[in-house]
């Protein structure tokens, strides 16, 4: 991990097109709050890590949830799977 020291109004650059600027520092020590300004192309996704972690966790839980079986789905829809129409022939044509 690269560790840098910056003062208010100083920036760091990431690549050619991302700039992170220190806008404000309030408090001191472990209680300090830093306000950052980020300039980046619209194609770059910028997320707070705690939000990203929550989304990943929710997606993981949803993926692990048991998916309903086809029979359960049919019961929930109130019927059975549609079968061939007895009036139709094997290829779906009307007899005769």
PDB file of N, CA and C in Angstrom:
ATOM      1  N   UNK A   1       0.849  -1.173   0.000  1.00  0.00           N
ATOM      2  CA  UNK A   1       0.000   0.000   0.000  1.00  0.00           C
ATOM      3  C   UNK A   1       0.896   1.238   0.000  1.00  0.00           C
ATOM      4  N   UNK A   2       0.606   2.144  -0.873  1.00  0.00           N
ATOM      5  CA  UNK A   2       1.300   3.425  -0.920  1.00  0.00           C
ATOM      6  C   UNK A   2       0.645   4.354   0.092  1.00  0.00           C
ATOM      7  N   UNK A   3       1.433   4.969   0.957  1.00  0.00           N
ATOM      8  CA  UNK A   3       0.918   5.903   1.957  1.00  0.00           C
ATOM      9  C   UNK A   3       1.487   7.283   1.644  1.00  0.00           C
ATOM     10  N   UNK A   4       0.598   8.267   1.496  1.00  0.00           N
ATOM     11  CA  UNK A   4       0.997   9.633   1.170  1.00  0.00           C
ATOM     12  C   UNK A   4       0.479  10.591   2.229  1.00  0.00           C
ATOM     13  N   UNK A   5       1.172  11.699   2.394  1.00  0.00           N
ATOM     14  CA  UNK A   5       0.716  12.767   3.268  1.00  0.00           C
ATOM     15  C   UNK A   5       0.351  13.955   2.392  1.00  0.00           C
ATOM     16  N   UNK A   6      -0.830  14.501   2.587  1.00  0.00           N
ATOM     17  CA  UNK A   6      -1.303  15.638   1.800  1.00  0.00           C
ATOM     18  C   UNK A   6      -1.911  16.660   2.750  1.00  0.00           C
ATOM     19  N   UNK A   7      -1.880  17.898   2.345  1.00  0.00           N
ATOM     20  CA  UNK A   7      -2.529  18.979   3.088  1.00  0.00           C
ATOM     21  C   UNK A   7      -3.783  19.399   2.314  1.00  0.00           C
ATOM     22  N   UNK A   8      -4.626  20.193   2.976  1.00  0.00           N
ATOM     23  CA  UNK A   8      -5.830  20.715   2.327  1.00  0.00           C
ATOM     24  C   UNK A   8      -5.427  21.446   1.049  1.00  0.00           C
ATOM     25  N   UNK A   9      -6.194  21.205  -0.004  1.00  0.00           N
ATOM     26  CA  UNK A   9      -5.999  21.758  -1.345  1.00  0.00           C
ATOM     27  C   UNK A   9      -4.899  21.052  -2.136  1.00  0.00           C
ATOM     28  N   UNK A  10      -4.253  20.041  -1.571  1.00  0.00           N
ATOM     29  CA  UNK A  10      -3.276  19.260  -2.330  1.00  0.00           C
ATOM     30  C   UNK A  10      -3.978  18.045  -2.926  1.00  0.00           C
ATOM     31  N   UNK A  11      -3.393  17.516  -4.000  1.00  0.00           N
ATOM     32  CA  UNK A  11      -4.016  16.420  -4.747  1.00  0.00           C
ATOM     33  C   UNK A  11      -3.045  15.277  -4.951  1.00  0.00           C
ATOM     34  N   UNK A  12      -3.609  14.153  -5.342  1.00  0.00           N
ATOM     35  CA  UNK A  12      -2.824  13.052  -5.893  1.00  0.00           C
ATOM     36  C   UNK A  12      -3.455  12.698  -7.234  1.00  0.00           C
ATOM     37  N   UNK A  13      -2.657  12.176  -8.131  1.00  0.00           N
ATOM     38  CA  UNK A  13      -3.142  11.747  -9.437  1.00  0.00           C
ATOM     39  C   UNK A  13      -3.016  10.238  -9.543  1.00  0.00           C
ATOM     40  N   UNK A  14      -4.020   9.618 -10.130  1.00  0.00           N
ATOM     41  CA  UNK A  14      -3.992   8.186 -10.420  1.00  0.00           C
ATOM     42  C   UNK A  14      -4.123   8.068 -11.931  1.00  0.00           C
ATOM     43  N   UNK A  15      -3.089   7.554 -12.548  1.00  0.00           N
ATOM     44  CA  UNK A  15      -3.075   7.502 -14.010  1.00  0.00           C
ATOM     45  C   UNK A  15      -3.078   8.912 -14.569  1.00  0.00           C
ATOM     46  N   UNK A  16      -3.613   9.049 -15.772  1.00  0.00           N
ATOM     47  CA  UNK A  16      -3.642  10.352 -16.437  1.00  0.00           C
ATOM     48  C   UNK A  16      -4.930  11.125 -16.190  1.00  0.00           C
ATOM     49  N   UNK A  17      -5.968  10.449 -15.681  1.00  0.00           N
ATOM     50  CA  UNK A  17      -7.272  11.109 -15.684  1.00  0.00           C
ATOM     51  C   UNK A  17      -8.055  11.044 -14.377  1.00  0.00           C
ATOM     52  N   UNK A  18      -7.411  10.652 -13.281  1.00  0.00           N
ATOM     53  CA  UNK A  18      -8.104  10.628 -11.991  1.00  0.00           C
ATOM     54  C   UNK A  18      -7.321  11.496 -11.010  1.00  0.00           C
ATOM     55  N   UNK A  19      -8.022  12.454 -10.406  1.00  0.00           N
ATOM     56  CA  UNK A  19      -7.411  13.336  -9.413  1.00  0.00           C
ATOM     57  C   UNK A  19      -8.218  13.258  -8.127  1.00  0.00           C
ATOM     58  N   UNK A  20      -7.524  13.086  -7.012  1.00  0.00           N
ATOM     59  CA  UNK A  20      -8.160  13.091  -5.697  1.00  0.00           C
ATOM     60  C   UNK A  20      -7.569  14.265  -4.925  1.00  0.00           C
ATOM     61  N   UNK A  21      -8.451  15.173  -4.497  1.00  0.00           N
ATOM     62  CA  UNK A  21      -8.009  16.403  -3.836  1.00  0.00           C
ATOM     63  C   UNK A  21      -8.536  16.440  -2.405  1.00  0.00           C
ATOM     64  N   UNK A  22      -7.687  16.845  -1.467  1.00  0.00           N
ATOM     65  CA  UNK A  22      -8.099  17.014  -0.077  1.00  0.00           C
ATOM     66  C   UNK A  22      -8.810  18.365   0.015  1.00  0.00           C
ATOM     67  N   UNK A  23     -10.087  18.352   0.363  1.00  0.00           N
ATOM     68  CA  UNK A  23     -10.865  19.583   0.436  1.00  0.00           C
ATOM     69  C   UNK A  23     -10.951  20.130   1.853  1.00  0.00           C
ATOM     70  N   UNK A  24     -11.041  19.233   2.839  1.00  0.00           N
ATOM     71  CA  UNK A  24     -11.234  19.684   4.215  1.00  0.00           C
ATOM     72  C   UNK A  24     -10.833  18.574   5.174  1.00  0.00           C
ATOM     73  N   UNK A  25     -10.267  18.959   6.313  1.00  0.00           N
ATOM     74  CA  UNK A  25      -9.978  18.019   7.394  1.00  0.00           C
ATOM     75  C   UNK A  25     -10.577  18.616   8.662  1.00  0.00           C
ATOM     76  N   UNK A  26     -11.444  17.852   9.332  1.00  0.00           N
ATOM     77  CA  UNK A  26     -12.048  18.302  10.593  1.00  0.00           C
ATOM     78  C   UNK A  26     -11.666  17.327  11.682  1.00  0.00           C
ATOM     79  N   UNK A  27     -11.328  17.833  12.837  1.00  0.00           N
ATOM     80  CA  UNK A  27     -10.962  16.995  13.962  1.00  0.00           C
ATOM     81  C   UNK A  27      -9.512  16.557  13.864  1.00  0.00           C
ATOM     82  N   UNK A  28      -9.135  15.658  14.785  1.00  0.00           N
ATOM     83  CA  UNK A  28      -7.752  15.186  14.819  1.00  0.00           C
ATOM     84  C   UNK A  28      -7.730  13.731  15.263  1.00  0.00           C
ATOM     85  N   UNK A  29      -6.639  13.063  14.963  1.00  0.00           N
ATOM     86  CA  UNK A  29      -6.452  11.679  15.380  1.00  0.00           C
ATOM     87  C   UNK A  29      -7.464  10.752  14.744  1.00  0.00           C
ATOM     88  N   UNK A  30      -7.884   9.752  15.518  1.00  0.00           N
ATOM     89  CA  UNK A  30      -8.803   8.737  15.007  1.00  0.00           C
ATOM     90  C   UNK A  30     -10.190   9.303  14.718  1.00  0.00           C
ATOM     91  N   UNK A  31     -10.513  10.466  15.285  1.00  0.00           N
ATOM     92  CA  UNK A  31     -11.826  11.083  15.070  1.00  0.00           C
ATOM     93  C   UNK A  31     -11.836  12.052  13.892  1.00  0.00           C
ATOM     94  N   UNK A  32     -10.711  12.214  13.211  1.00  0.00           N
ATOM     95  CA  UNK A  32     -10.627  13.153  12.090  1.00  0.00           C
ATOM     96  C   UNK A  32     -11.535  12.703  10.948  1.00  0.00           C
ATOM     97  N   UNK A  33     -12.105  13.678  10.272  1.00  0.00           N
ATOM     98  CA  UNK A  33     -12.936  13.428   9.103  1.00  0.00           C
ATOM     99  C   UNK A  33     -12.312  14.195   7.944  1.00  0.00           C
ATOM    100  N   UNK A  34     -12.105  13.508   6.838  1.00  0.00           N
ATOM    101  CA  UNK A  34     -11.468  14.108   5.673  1.00  0.00           C
ATOM    102  C   UNK A  34     -12.491  14.183   4.550  1.00  0.00           C
ATOM    103  N   UNK A  35     -12.620  15.343   3.943  1.00  0.00           N
ATOM    104  CA  UNK A  35     -13.508  15.507   2.791  1.00  0.00           C
ATOM    105  C   UNK A  35     -12.635  15.490   1.540  1.00  0.00           C
ATOM    106  N   UNK A  36     -12.966  14.589   0.615  1.00  0.00           N
ATOM    107  CA  UNK A  36     -12.203  14.417  -0.616  1.00  0.00           C
ATOM    108  C   UNK A  36     -13.018  14.883  -1.808  1.00  0.00           C
ATOM    109  N   UNK A  37     -12.336  15.409  -2.794  1.00  0.00           N
ATOM    110  CA  UNK A  37     -12.949  15.695  -4.089  1.00  0.00           C
ATOM    111  C   UNK A  37     -12.301  14.782  -5.109  1.00  0.00           C
ATOM    112  N   UNK A  38     -13.104  14.156  -5.953  1.00  0.00           N
ATOM    113  CA  UNK A  38     -12.577  13.204  -6.930  1.00  0.00           C
ATOM    114  C   UNK A  38     -13.007  13.641  -8.322  1.00  0.00           C
ATOM    115  N   UNK A  39     -12.039  13.771  -9.205  1.00  0.00           N
ATOM    116  CA  UNK A  39     -12.308  14.073 -10.608  1.00  0.00           C
ATOM    117  C   UNK A  39     -11.891  12.841 -11.396  1.00  0.00           C
ATOM    118  N   UNK A  40     -12.855  12.249 -12.105  1.00  0.00           N
ATOM    119  CA  UNK A  40     -12.580  11.027 -12.867  1.00  0.00           C
ATOM    120  C   UNK A  40     -13.549  10.958 -14.039  1.00  0.00           C
ATOM    121  N   UNK A  41     -13.192  10.200 -15.074  1.00  0.00           N
ATOM    122  CA  UNK A  41     -14.119  10.010 -16.195  1.00  0.00           C
ATOM    123  C   UNK A  41     -15.401   9.326 -15.719  1.00  0.00           C
ATOM    124  N   UNK A  42     -16.500   9.577 -16.422  1.00  0.00           N
ATOM    125  CA  UNK A  42     -17.778   8.947 -16.061  1.00  0.00           C
ATOM    126  C   UNK A  42     -17.714   7.427 -16.138  1.00  0.00           C
ATOM    127  N   UNK A  43     -16.788   6.907 -16.918  1.00  0.00           N
ATOM    128  CA  UNK A  43     -16.675   5.456 -17.067  1.00  0.00           C
ATOM    129  C   UNK A  43     -16.049   4.790 -15.843  1.00  0.00           C
ATOM    130  N   UNK A  44     -15.507   5.582 -14.921  1.00  0.00           N
ATOM    131  CA  UNK A  44     -14.878   5.039 -13.713  1.00  0.00           C
ATOM    132  C   UNK A  44     -15.911   5.032 -12.594  1.00  0.00           C
ATOM    133  N   UNK A  45     -16.161   3.866 -12.027  1.00  0.00           N
ATOM    134  CA  UNK A  45     -17.088   3.743 -10.912  1.00  0.00           C
ATOM    135  C   UNK A  45     -16.373   4.135  -9.630  1.00  0.00           C
ATOM    136  N   UNK A  46     -17.003   5.002  -8.843  1.00  0.00           N
ATOM    137  CA  UNK A  46     -16.432   5.434  -7.571  1.00  0.00           C
ATOM    138  C   UNK A  46     -17.453   5.107  -6.492  1.00  0.00           C
ATOM    139  N   UNK A  47     -17.062   4.267  -5.545  1.00  0.00           N
ATOM    140  CA  UNK A  47     -17.953   3.841  -4.472  1.00  0.00           C
ATOM    141  C   UNK A  47     -17.252   3.973  -3.131  1.00  0.00           C
ATOM    142  N   UNK A  48     -18.028   4.291  -2.094  1.00  0.00           N
ATOM    143  CA  UNK A  48     -17.488   4.192  -0.735  1.00  0.00           C
ATOM    144  C   UNK A  48     -17.405   2.703  -0.414  1.00  0.00           C
ATOM    145  N   UNK A  49     -16.305   2.282   0.180  1.00  0.00           N
ATOM    146  CA  UNK A  49     -16.070   0.856   0.383  1.00  0.00           C
ATOM    147  C   UNK A  49     -17.155   0.203   1.236  1.00  0.00           C
ATOM    148  N   UNK A  50     -17.632   0.889   2.273  1.00  0.00           N
ATOM    149  CA  UNK A  50     -18.646   0.269   3.133  1.00  0.00           C
ATOM    150  C   UNK A  50     -19.938   0.007   2.362  1.00  0.00           C
ATOM    151  N   UNK A  51     -20.285   0.863   1.411  1.00  0.00           N
ATOM    152  CA  UNK A  51     -21.473   0.635   0.581  1.00  0.00           C
ATOM    153  C   UNK A  51     -21.227  -0.534  -0.366  1.00  0.00           C
ATOM    154  N   UNK A  52     -20.055  -0.554  -0.984  1.00  0.00           N
ATOM    155  CA  UNK A  52     -19.685  -1.655  -1.880  1.00  0.00           C
ATOM    156  C   UNK A  52     -19.755  -2.987  -1.130  1.00  0.00           C
ATOM    157  N   UNK A  53     -19.203  -3.031   0.089  1.00  0.00           N
ATOM    158  CA  UNK A  53     -19.219  -4.265   0.881  1.00  0.00           C
ATOM    159  C   UNK A  53     -20.643  -4.711   1.198  1.00  0.00           C
ATOM    160  N   UNK A  54     -21.539  -3.768   1.496  1.00  0.00           N
ATOM    161  CA  UNK A  54     -22.938  -4.113   1.774  1.00  0.00           C
ATOM    162  C   UNK A  54     -23.610  -4.718   0.548  1.00  0.00           C
ATOM    163  N   UNK A  55     -23.360  -4.147  -0.621  1.00  0.00           N
ATOM    164  CA  UNK A  55     -23.956  -4.656  -1.861  1.00  0.00           C
ATOM    165  C   UNK A  55     -23.428  -6.051  -2.168  1.00  0.00           C
ATOM    166  N   UNK A  56     -22.128  -6.253  -2.020  1.00  0.00           N
ATOM    167  CA  UNK A  56     -21.536  -7.575  -2.261  1.00  0.00           C
ATOM    168  C   UNK A  56     -22.139  -8.593  -1.305  1.00  0.00           C
ATOM    169  N   UNK A  57     -22.295  -8.220  -0.038  1.00  0.00           N
ATOM    170  CA  UNK A  57     -22.858  -9.130   0.960  1.00  0.00           C
ATOM    171  C   UNK A  57     -24.312  -9.470   0.627  1.00  0.00           C
ATOM    172  N   UNK A  58     -25.101  -8.472   0.249  1.00  0.00           N
ATOM    173  CA  UNK A  58     -26.506  -8.717  -0.112  1.00  0.00           C
ATOM    174  C   UNK A  58     -26.598  -9.614  -1.340  1.00  0.00           C
ATOM    175  N   UNK A  59     -25.736  -9.397  -2.330  1.00  0.00           N
ATOM    176  CA  UNK A  59     -25.734 -10.246  -3.525  1.00  0.00           C
ATOM    177  C   UNK A  59     -25.352 -11.675  -3.177  1.00  0.00           C
ATOM    178  N   UNK A  60     -24.384 -11.837  -2.290  1.00  0.00           N
ATOM    179  CA  UNK A  60     -23.957 -13.175  -1.883  1.00  0.00           C
ATOM    180  C   UNK A  60     -25.106 -13.901  -1.180  1.00  0.00           C
ATOM    181  N   UNK A  61     -25.820 -13.196  -0.295  1.00  0.00           N
ATOM    182  CA  UNK A  61     -26.942 -13.812   0.416  1.00  0.00           C
ATOM    183  C   UNK A  61     -28.065 -14.184  -0.551  1.00  0.00           C
ATOM    184  N   UNK A  62     -28.338 -13.327  -1.510  1.00  0.00           N
ATOM    185  CA  UNK A  62     -29.395 -13.613  -2.486  1.00  0.00           C
ATOM    186  C   UNK A  62     -29.031 -14.815  -3.342  1.00  0.00           C
ATOM    187  N   UNK A  63     -27.762 -14.944  -3.700  1.00  0.00           N
ATOM    188  CA  UNK A  63     -27.329 -16.070  -4.532  1.00  0.00           C
ATOM    189  C   UNK A  63     -27.414 -17.381  -3.762  1.00  0.00           C
ATOM    190  N   UNK A  64     -27.257 -17.322  -2.450  1.00  0.00           N
ATOM    191  CA  UNK A  64     -27.290 -18.537  -1.638  1.00  0.00           C
ATOM    192  C   UNK A  64     -28.708 -18.940  -1.248  1.00  0.00           C
ATOM    193  N   UNK A  65     -29.664 -18.037  -1.419  1.00  0.00           N
ATOM    194  CA  UNK A  65     -31.051 -18.355  -1.079  1.00  0.00           C
ATOM    195  C   UNK A  65     -31.534 -19.476  -1.992  1.00  0.00           C
ATOM    196  N   UNK A  66     -32.319 -20.389  -1.433  1.00  0.00           N
ATOM    197  CA  UNK A  66     -32.809 -21.528  -2.213  1.00  0.00           C
ATOM    198  C   UNK A  66     -33.770 -21.046  -3.293  1.00  0.00           C
ATOM    199  N   UNK A  67     -33.491 -21.422  -4.513  1.00  0.00           N
ATOM    200  CA  UNK A  67     -34.383 -21.088  -5.624  1.00  0.00           C
ATOM    201  C   UNK A  67     -35.557 -22.057  -5.609  1.00  0.00           C
ATOM    202  N   UNK A  68     -36.771 -21.572  -5.878  1.00  0.00           N
ATOM    203  CA  UNK A  68     -37.920 -22.474  -5.884  1.00  0.00           C
ATOM    204  C   UNK A  68     -37.799 -23.503  -7.008  1.00  0.00           C
ATOM    205  N   UNK A  69     -38.247 -24.704  -6.719  1.00  0.00           N
ATOM    206  CA  UNK A  69     -38.247 -25.769  -7.718  1.00  0.00           C
ATOM    207  C   UNK A  69     -39.388 -25.534  -8.700  1.00  0.00           C
ATOM    208  N   UNK A  70     -39.283 -26.061  -9.916  1.00  0.00           N
ATOM    209  CA  UNK A  70     -40.357 -25.855 -10.899  1.00  0.00           C
ATOM    210  C   UNK A  70     -41.738 -26.238 -10.371  1.00  0.00           C
ATOM    211  N   UNK A  71     -41.850 -27.334  -9.618  1.00  0.00           N
ATOM    212  CA  UNK A  71     -43.158 -27.741  -9.086  1.00  0.00           C
ATOM    213  C   UNK A  71     -43.687 -26.680  -8.129  1.00  0.00           C
ATOM    214  N   UNK A  72     -42.782 -26.100  -7.311  1.00  0.00           N
ATOM    215  CA  UNK A  72     -43.196 -25.039  -6.400  1.00  0.00           C
ATOM    216  C   UNK A  72     -43.683 -23.824  -7.180  1.00  0.00           C
ATOM    217  N   UNK A  73     -43.010 -23.525  -8.269  1.00  0.00           N
ATOM    218  CA  UNK A  73     -43.425 -22.393  -9.099  1.00  0.00           C
ATOM    219  C   UNK A  73     -44.804 -22.638  -9.692  1.00  0.00           C
ATOM    220  N   UNK A  74     -45.032 -23.855 -10.177  1.00  0.00           N
ATOM    221  CA  UNK A  74     -46.335 -24.176 -10.762  1.00  0.00           C
ATOM    222  C   UNK A  74     -47.441 -24.060  -9.725  1.00  0.00           C
ATOM    223  N   UNK A  75     -47.190 -24.569  -8.511  1.00  0.00           N
ATOM    224  CA  UNK A  75     -48.188 -24.456  -7.445  1.00  0.00           C
ATOM    225  C   UNK A  75     -48.457 -22.986  -7.136  1.00  0.00           C
ATOM    226  N   UNK A  76     -47.402 -22.192  -7.093  1.00  0.00           N
ATOM    227  CA  UNK A  76     -47.560 -20.773  -6.789  1.00  0.00           C
ATOM    228  C   UNK A  76     -48.376 -20.072  -7.866  1.00  0.00           C
ATOM    229  N   UNK A  77     -48.241 -20.538  -9.106  1.00  0.00           N
ATOM    230  CA  UNK A  77     -49.002 -19.950 -10.205  1.00  0.00           C
ATOM    231  C   UNK A  77     -50.404 -20.534 -10.311  1.00  0.00           C
ATOM    232  N   UNK A  78     -50.686 -21.572  -9.539  1.00  0.00           N
ATOM    233  CA  UNK A  78     -52.027 -22.128  -9.486  1.00  0.00           C
ATOM    234  C   UNK A  78     -52.367 -23.083 -10.599  1.00  0.00           C
ATOM    235  N   UNK A  79     -51.428 -23.814 -11.124  1.00  0.00           N
ATOM    236  CA  UNK A  79     -51.756 -24.757 -12.182  1.00  0.00           C
ATOM    237  C   UNK A  79     -50.617 -25.688 -12.495  1.00  0.00           C
ATOM    238  N   UNK A  80     -50.860 -26.512 -13.477  1.00  0.00           N
ATOM    239  CA  UNK A  80     -49.855 -27.470 -13.933  1.00  0.00           C
ATOM    240  C   UNK A  80     -49.233 -26.948 -15.215  1.00  0.00           C
ATOM    241  N   UNK A  81     -48.162 -27.582 -15.590  1.00  0.00           N
ATOM    242  CA  UNK A  81     -47.480 -27.188 -16.827  1.00  0.00           C
ATOM    243  C   UNK A  81     -48.396 -27.471 -18.004  1.00  0.00           C
ATOM    244  N   UNK A  82     -48.451 -26.573 -18.972  1.00  0.00           N
ATOM    245  CA  UNK A  82     -49.302 -26.828 -20.133  1.00  0.00           C
ATOM    246  C   UNK A  82     -48.766 -28.011 -20.923  1.00  0.00           C
ATOM    247  N   UNK A  83     -49.656 -28.913 -21.300  1.00  0.00           N
ATOM    248  CA  UNK A  83     -49.278 -30.076 -22.098  1.00  0.00           C
ATOM    249  C   UNK A  83     -49.764 -29.893 -23.519  1.00  0.00           C
ATOM    250  N   UNK A  84     -49.568 -30.900 -24.359  1.00  0.00           N
ATOM    251  CA  UNK A  84     -50.053 -30.793 -25.739  1.00  0.00           C
ATOM    252  C   UNK A  84     -51.578 -30.779 -25.763  1.00  0.00           C
ATOM    253  N   UNK A  85     -52.122 -30.048 -26.692  1.00  0.00           N
ATOM    254  CA  UNK A  85     -53.568 -29.961 -26.866  1.00  0.00           C
ATOM    255  C   UNK A  85     -54.038 -31.276 -27.476  1.00  0.00           C
ATOM    256  N   UNK A  86     -55.007 -31.980 -26.831  1.00  0.00           N
ATOM    257  CA  UNK A  86     -55.455 -33.274 -27.368  1.00  0.00           C
ATOM    258  C   UNK A  86     -56.083 -33.143 -28.753  1.00  0.00           C
ATOM    259  N   UNK A  87     -56.517 -31.958 -29.142  1.00  0.00           N
ATOM    260  CA  UNK A  87     -57.108 -31.748 -30.456  1.00  0.00           C
ATOM    261  C   UNK A  87     -56.050 -31.622 -31.545  1.00  0.00           C
ATOM    262  N   UNK A  88     -54.780 -31.440 -31.142  1.00  0.00           N
ATOM    263  CA  UNK A  88     -53.724 -31.242 -32.126  1.00  0.00           C
ATOM    264  C   UNK A  88     -52.984 -32.543 -32.374  1.00  0.00           C
ATOM    265  N   UNK A  89     -52.418 -32.656 -33.549  1.00  0.00           N
ATOM    266  CA  UNK A  89     -51.581 -33.800 -33.886  1.00  0.00           C
ATOM    267  C   UNK A  89     -50.191 -33.633 -33.292  1.00  0.00           C
ATOM    268  N   UNK A  90     -49.270 -34.578 -33.591  1.00  0.00           N
ATOM    269  CA  UNK A  90     -47.945 -34.556 -32.987  1.00  0.00           C
ATOM    270  C   UNK A  90     -47.135 -33.310 -33.318  1.00  0.00           C
ATOM    271  N   UNK A  91     -47.269 -32.712 -34.447  1.00  0.00           N
ATOM    272  CA  UNK A  91     -46.485 -31.530 -34.810  1.00  0.00           C
ATOM    273  C   UNK A  91     -47.233 -30.241 -34.554  1.00  0.00           C
ATOM    274  N   UNK A  92     -48.351 -30.300 -33.841  1.00  0.00           N
ATOM    275  CA  UNK A  92     -49.130 -29.110 -33.587  1.00  0.00           C
ATOM    276  C   UNK A  92     -50.181 -28.854 -34.652  1.00  0.00           C
ATOM    277  N   UNK A  93     -50.278 -29.786 -35.664  1.00  0.00           N
ATOM    278  CA  UNK A  93     -51.271 -29.589 -36.720  1.00  0.00           C
ATOM    279  C   UNK A  93     -52.606 -30.162 -36.267  1.00  0.00           C
ATOM    280  N   UNK A  94     -53.662 -29.610 -36.830  1.00  0.00           N
ATOM    281  CA  UNK A  94     -54.994 -30.140 -36.557  1.00  0.00           C
ATOM    282  C   UNK A  94     -55.167 -31.435 -37.352  1.00  0.00           C
ATOM    283  N   UNK A  95     -55.708 -32.518 -36.731  1.00  0.00           N
ATOM    284  CA  UNK A  95     -55.895 -33.767 -37.476  1.00  0.00           C
ATOM    285  C   UNK A  95     -56.943 -33.596 -38.577  1.00  0.00           C
ATOM    286  N   UNK A  96     -56.739 -34.410 -39.640  1.00  0.00           N
ATOM    287  CA  UNK A  96     -57.727 -34.508 -40.689  1.00  0.00           C
ATOM    288  C   UNK A  96     -57.576 -33.535 -41.722  1.00  0.00           C
TER     289      UNK A  96
END
